[in-house]
N, C-alpha and C. Protein backbone atom coordinates (compact mmCIF):
# COMPACT_ATOMS: atom_id res chain seq x y z
N MET A 1 -7.82 -12.73 3.17
CA MET A 1 -7.37 -11.51 3.80
C MET A 1 -8.45 -10.44 3.63
N SER A 2 -8.83 -9.83 4.71
CA SER A 2 -9.88 -8.82 4.65
C SER A 2 -9.28 -7.42 4.52
N ASP A 3 -10.09 -6.52 4.00
CA ASP A 3 -9.66 -5.12 3.90
C ASP A 3 -9.32 -4.57 5.28
N GLU A 4 -10.11 -4.96 6.29
CA GLU A 4 -9.87 -4.45 7.65
C GLU A 4 -8.47 -4.80 8.15
N SER A 5 -8.01 -6.02 7.87
CA SER A 5 -6.67 -6.41 8.33
C SER A 5 -5.60 -5.63 7.57
N ILE A 6 -5.85 -5.32 6.32
CA ILE A 6 -4.90 -4.51 5.54
C ILE A 6 -4.84 -3.10 6.10
N TYR A 7 -6.03 -2.52 6.38
CA TYR A 7 -6.05 -1.16 6.95
C TYR A 7 -5.34 -1.14 8.30
N GLU A 8 -5.48 -2.20 9.07
CA GLU A 8 -4.81 -2.27 10.37
C GLU A 8 -3.30 -2.27 10.21
N VAL A 9 -2.79 -3.01 9.23
CA VAL A 9 -1.35 -3.01 8.95
C VAL A 9 -0.88 -1.61 8.58
N VAL A 10 -1.67 -0.92 7.72
CA VAL A 10 -1.32 0.44 7.30
C VAL A 10 -1.30 1.38 8.52
N GLU A 11 -2.29 1.28 9.39
CA GLU A 11 -2.36 2.16 10.56
C GLU A 11 -1.18 1.93 11.50
N VAL A 12 -0.82 0.66 11.74
CA VAL A 12 0.30 0.36 12.63
C VAL A 12 1.61 0.84 11.99
N ALA A 13 1.76 0.62 10.69
CA ALA A 13 2.96 1.07 9.99
C ALA A 13 3.07 2.60 10.00
N LYS A 14 1.91 3.27 9.93
CA LYS A 14 1.91 4.74 9.97
C LYS A 14 2.47 5.23 11.31
N LYS A 15 2.10 4.54 12.39
CA LYS A 15 2.53 4.95 13.73
C LYS A 15 3.96 4.55 14.06
N THR A 16 4.38 3.36 13.58
CA THR A 16 5.69 2.83 14.00
C THR A 16 6.69 2.68 12.86
N GLY A 17 6.25 2.91 11.63
CA GLY A 17 7.14 2.76 10.47
C GLY A 17 7.07 3.99 9.58
N LYS A 18 7.16 3.74 8.25
CA LYS A 18 7.11 4.85 7.29
C LYS A 18 6.27 4.47 6.09
N LEU A 19 5.51 5.46 5.57
CA LEU A 19 4.65 5.28 4.42
C LEU A 19 5.00 6.27 3.32
N LYS A 20 4.74 5.86 2.08
CA LYS A 20 4.75 6.77 0.93
C LYS A 20 3.32 6.76 0.41
N LYS A 21 2.75 7.94 0.17
CA LYS A 21 1.35 8.04 -0.22
C LYS A 21 1.23 8.64 -1.61
N GLY A 22 0.33 8.09 -2.41
CA GLY A 22 0.11 8.58 -3.76
C GLY A 22 0.83 7.72 -4.78
N CYS A 23 0.26 7.66 -5.95
CA CYS A 23 0.75 6.75 -6.98
C CYS A 23 2.20 7.06 -7.41
N ASN A 24 2.53 8.32 -7.57
CA ASN A 24 3.89 8.68 -7.99
C ASN A 24 4.91 8.31 -6.93
N GLU A 25 4.63 8.61 -5.68
CA GLU A 25 5.54 8.26 -4.58
C GLU A 25 5.70 6.75 -4.44
N VAL A 26 4.59 6.03 -4.62
CA VAL A 26 4.62 4.57 -4.53
C VAL A 26 5.48 3.99 -5.65
N THR A 27 5.29 4.50 -6.87
CA THR A 27 6.09 4.04 -8.01
C THR A 27 7.57 4.25 -7.74
N LYS A 28 7.93 5.43 -7.25
CA LYS A 28 9.34 5.72 -6.94
C LYS A 28 9.89 4.78 -5.87
N ALA A 29 9.09 4.53 -4.83
CA ALA A 29 9.53 3.66 -3.74
C ALA A 29 9.77 2.23 -4.24
N ILE A 30 8.91 1.75 -5.14
CA ILE A 30 9.09 0.40 -5.69
C ILE A 30 10.36 0.36 -6.54
N GLU A 31 10.51 1.35 -7.43
CA GLU A 31 11.66 1.38 -8.33
C GLU A 31 12.99 1.49 -7.57
N LYS A 32 13.00 2.21 -6.46
CA LYS A 32 14.22 2.37 -5.67
C LYS A 32 14.48 1.19 -4.73
N GLY A 33 13.54 0.25 -4.68
CA GLY A 33 13.69 -0.91 -3.82
C GLY A 33 13.41 -0.62 -2.35
N GLN A 34 12.68 0.46 -2.07
CA GLN A 34 12.37 0.85 -0.70
C GLN A 34 11.07 0.24 -0.19
N ALA A 35 10.15 -0.08 -1.09
CA ALA A 35 8.81 -0.55 -0.70
C ALA A 35 8.86 -1.98 -0.17
N LYS A 36 8.18 -2.21 0.94
CA LYS A 36 8.05 -3.55 1.53
C LYS A 36 6.67 -4.12 1.25
N LEU A 37 5.67 -3.24 1.20
CA LEU A 37 4.29 -3.64 0.94
C LEU A 37 3.60 -2.51 0.18
N VAL A 38 2.90 -2.87 -0.89
CA VAL A 38 2.14 -1.89 -1.68
C VAL A 38 0.66 -2.22 -1.53
N VAL A 39 -0.13 -1.18 -1.21
CA VAL A 39 -1.58 -1.33 -1.07
C VAL A 39 -2.24 -0.38 -2.07
N VAL A 40 -3.13 -0.93 -2.90
CA VAL A 40 -3.78 -0.15 -3.96
C VAL A 40 -5.29 -0.25 -3.80
N ALA A 41 -5.98 0.87 -4.04
CA ALA A 41 -7.45 0.91 -3.97
C ALA A 41 -8.04 0.53 -5.32
N LYS A 42 -8.97 -0.43 -5.31
CA LYS A 42 -9.61 -0.91 -6.54
C LYS A 42 -10.53 0.13 -7.18
N ASP A 43 -11.06 1.06 -6.38
CA ASP A 43 -12.02 2.03 -6.93
C ASP A 43 -11.35 3.28 -7.50
N THR A 44 -10.07 3.20 -7.77
CA THR A 44 -9.34 4.32 -8.37
C THR A 44 -9.78 4.49 -9.82
N THR A 45 -10.08 5.75 -10.19
CA THR A 45 -10.42 6.05 -11.58
C THR A 45 -9.58 7.23 -12.05
N PRO A 46 -9.09 7.24 -13.25
CA PRO A 46 -9.10 6.13 -14.19
C PRO A 46 -8.13 5.03 -13.76
N LYS A 47 -8.41 3.82 -14.18
CA LYS A 47 -7.60 2.65 -13.79
C LYS A 47 -6.15 2.77 -14.28
N GLU A 48 -5.93 3.56 -15.32
CA GLU A 48 -4.58 3.71 -15.89
C GLU A 48 -3.58 4.24 -14.86
N ILE A 49 -4.08 4.94 -13.86
CA ILE A 49 -3.21 5.51 -12.83
C ILE A 49 -2.48 4.41 -12.06
N ILE A 50 -3.16 3.29 -11.85
CA ILE A 50 -2.57 2.23 -11.01
C ILE A 50 -2.24 0.95 -11.78
N MET A 51 -2.52 0.91 -13.06
CA MET A 51 -2.36 -0.33 -13.84
C MET A 51 -0.95 -0.90 -13.80
N HIS A 52 0.06 -0.06 -13.70
CA HIS A 52 1.45 -0.54 -13.74
C HIS A 52 1.93 -1.10 -12.40
N LEU A 53 1.24 -0.79 -11.31
CA LEU A 53 1.74 -1.16 -9.98
C LEU A 53 1.81 -2.67 -9.71
N PRO A 54 0.80 -3.47 -10.10
CA PRO A 54 0.93 -4.91 -9.84
C PRO A 54 2.14 -5.54 -10.54
N LEU A 55 2.34 -5.18 -11.80
CA LEU A 55 3.45 -5.73 -12.57
C LEU A 55 4.80 -5.26 -12.03
N LEU A 56 4.89 -3.98 -11.73
CA LEU A 56 6.14 -3.43 -11.18
C LEU A 56 6.46 -4.05 -9.83
N SER A 57 5.44 -4.24 -9.00
CA SER A 57 5.64 -4.87 -7.69
C SER A 57 6.15 -6.30 -7.85
N LYS A 58 5.53 -7.04 -8.76
CA LYS A 58 5.94 -8.43 -8.99
C LYS A 58 7.37 -8.49 -9.51
N GLU A 59 7.69 -7.59 -10.43
CA GLU A 59 9.03 -7.54 -11.02
C GLU A 59 10.10 -7.27 -9.96
N LYS A 60 9.77 -6.43 -9.00
CA LYS A 60 10.73 -6.05 -7.95
C LYS A 60 10.61 -6.93 -6.70
N GLY A 61 9.68 -7.88 -6.71
CA GLY A 61 9.51 -8.78 -5.57
C GLY A 61 8.91 -8.13 -4.34
N VAL A 62 8.01 -7.16 -4.57
CA VAL A 62 7.36 -6.43 -3.48
C VAL A 62 5.97 -7.00 -3.24
N GLN A 63 5.61 -7.21 -1.99
CA GLN A 63 4.28 -7.70 -1.63
C GLN A 63 3.24 -6.67 -2.07
N TYR A 64 2.17 -7.15 -2.72
CA TYR A 64 1.15 -6.27 -3.30
C TYR A 64 -0.23 -6.77 -2.88
N VAL A 65 -1.06 -5.88 -2.35
CA VAL A 65 -2.44 -6.22 -1.99
C VAL A 65 -3.38 -5.11 -2.44
N GLU A 66 -4.65 -5.46 -2.60
CA GLU A 66 -5.66 -4.48 -3.00
C GLU A 66 -6.75 -4.37 -1.95
N VAL A 67 -7.31 -3.16 -1.84
CA VAL A 67 -8.47 -2.90 -0.98
C VAL A 67 -9.57 -2.29 -1.86
N GLU A 68 -10.79 -2.25 -1.33
CA GLU A 68 -11.93 -1.78 -2.12
C GLU A 68 -11.98 -0.26 -2.30
N LYS A 69 -11.75 0.50 -1.21
CA LYS A 69 -12.05 1.94 -1.24
C LYS A 69 -10.83 2.82 -0.96
N LYS A 70 -10.63 3.81 -1.83
CA LYS A 70 -9.49 4.72 -1.65
C LYS A 70 -9.70 5.66 -0.47
N GLU A 71 -10.95 5.98 -0.13
CA GLU A 71 -11.20 6.85 1.01
C GLU A 71 -10.75 6.18 2.31
N GLU A 72 -11.06 4.88 2.44
CA GLU A 72 -10.67 4.16 3.65
C GLU A 72 -9.15 3.94 3.70
N LEU A 73 -8.54 3.73 2.54
CA LEU A 73 -7.08 3.60 2.49
C LEU A 73 -6.42 4.91 2.92
N GLY A 74 -6.95 6.03 2.43
CA GLY A 74 -6.43 7.34 2.83
C GLY A 74 -6.58 7.58 4.32
N ALA A 75 -7.74 7.21 4.86
CA ALA A 75 -7.98 7.40 6.30
C ALA A 75 -7.00 6.55 7.12
N ALA A 76 -6.76 5.31 6.70
CA ALA A 76 -5.84 4.44 7.42
C ALA A 76 -4.41 4.99 7.38
N ALA A 77 -4.10 5.71 6.29
CA ALA A 77 -2.77 6.30 6.15
C ALA A 77 -2.67 7.68 6.80
N GLY A 78 -3.76 8.14 7.42
CA GLY A 78 -3.74 9.42 8.11
C GLY A 78 -4.04 10.62 7.23
N LEU A 79 -4.68 10.39 6.10
CA LEU A 79 -5.00 11.48 5.17
C LEU A 79 -6.47 11.85 5.29
N VAL A 80 -6.77 13.12 4.98
CA VAL A 80 -8.15 13.59 4.98
C VAL A 80 -8.86 13.08 3.73
N LEU A 81 -8.14 13.03 2.62
CA LEU A 81 -8.69 12.56 1.35
C LEU A 81 -8.30 11.12 1.10
N GLY A 82 -8.92 10.52 0.10
CA GLY A 82 -8.55 9.17 -0.29
C GLY A 82 -7.24 9.16 -1.04
N THR A 83 -6.64 7.99 -1.18
CA THR A 83 -5.42 7.85 -1.96
C THR A 83 -5.49 6.58 -2.78
N ALA A 84 -4.97 6.64 -3.99
CA ALA A 84 -5.02 5.49 -4.89
C ALA A 84 -4.11 4.37 -4.42
N ALA A 85 -2.97 4.76 -3.82
CA ALA A 85 -1.99 3.75 -3.42
C ALA A 85 -1.11 4.26 -2.30
N ILE A 86 -0.60 3.32 -1.52
CA ILE A 86 0.43 3.63 -0.53
C ILE A 86 1.48 2.53 -0.58
N ALA A 87 2.69 2.91 -0.22
CA ALA A 87 3.77 1.93 -0.09
C ALA A 87 4.30 2.05 1.33
N ILE A 88 4.44 0.93 1.98
CA ILE A 88 5.05 0.92 3.31
C ILE A 88 6.53 0.64 3.10
N THR A 89 7.38 1.60 3.49
CA THR A 89 8.83 1.44 3.31
C THR A 89 9.50 0.93 4.57
N ASP A 90 8.84 1.12 5.71
CA ASP A 90 9.32 0.58 6.98
C ASP A 90 8.09 0.07 7.72
N LEU A 91 7.99 -1.24 7.87
CA LEU A 91 6.80 -1.83 8.48
C LEU A 91 6.69 -1.57 9.98
N GLY A 92 7.79 -1.31 10.65
CA GLY A 92 7.76 -1.09 12.08
C GLY A 92 7.16 -2.30 12.79
N GLU A 93 6.23 -2.06 13.68
CA GLU A 93 5.60 -3.14 14.44
C GLU A 93 4.58 -3.94 13.62
N ALA A 94 4.36 -3.54 12.36
CA ALA A 94 3.40 -4.24 11.51
C ALA A 94 4.04 -5.37 10.71
N ALA A 95 5.31 -5.66 10.93
CA ALA A 95 6.02 -6.66 10.13
C ALA A 95 5.37 -8.04 10.18
N GLU A 96 5.03 -8.50 11.37
CA GLU A 96 4.41 -9.84 11.50
C GLU A 96 3.01 -9.85 10.89
N MET A 97 2.27 -8.76 11.08
CA MET A 97 0.92 -8.67 10.52
C MET A 97 0.97 -8.72 8.99
N ALA A 98 1.97 -8.06 8.40
CA ALA A 98 2.09 -8.00 6.94
C ALA A 98 2.37 -9.38 6.35
N LYS A 99 3.13 -10.20 7.05
CA LYS A 99 3.43 -11.55 6.58
C LYS A 99 2.16 -12.39 6.44
N GLN A 100 1.20 -12.13 7.30
CA GLN A 100 -0.05 -12.90 7.30
C GLN A 100 -1.01 -12.47 6.19
N LEU A 101 -0.74 -11.32 5.56
CA LEU A 101 -1.62 -10.82 4.52
C LEU A 101 -1.54 -11.64 3.25
N GLY A 102 -0.37 -12.16 2.97
CA GLY A 102 -0.19 -12.88 1.72
C GLY A 102 -0.01 -11.88 0.61
N GLY A 103 -0.86 -11.92 -0.38
CA GLY A 103 -0.76 -11.01 -1.52
C GLY A 103 0.19 -11.56 -2.56
N ASP A 104 0.41 -10.78 -3.61
CA ASP A 104 1.28 -11.20 -4.72
C ASP A 104 2.71 -10.83 -4.45
């Protein structure tokens, strides 16, 4: 799975579904059972900000994938700045694309 295909899923979900942006919002969405797909940027510093997300996602049975750059993740989510993480709570037209991503 390439980063480009992940960004494409995020962009389609932004237009036709719903996103939560930022680590705190993503954590809340996972805990409430709203998240369908979690995308985290590997270049987030400090790493402690996102360290709990893979385990929490696995515990709640949420699909989890990583991308290289937070700036590109932010741009795909429609933000001017980068973001450490996003959660897609409604995939919209990106549902089939998300299934092909795999992830944990």
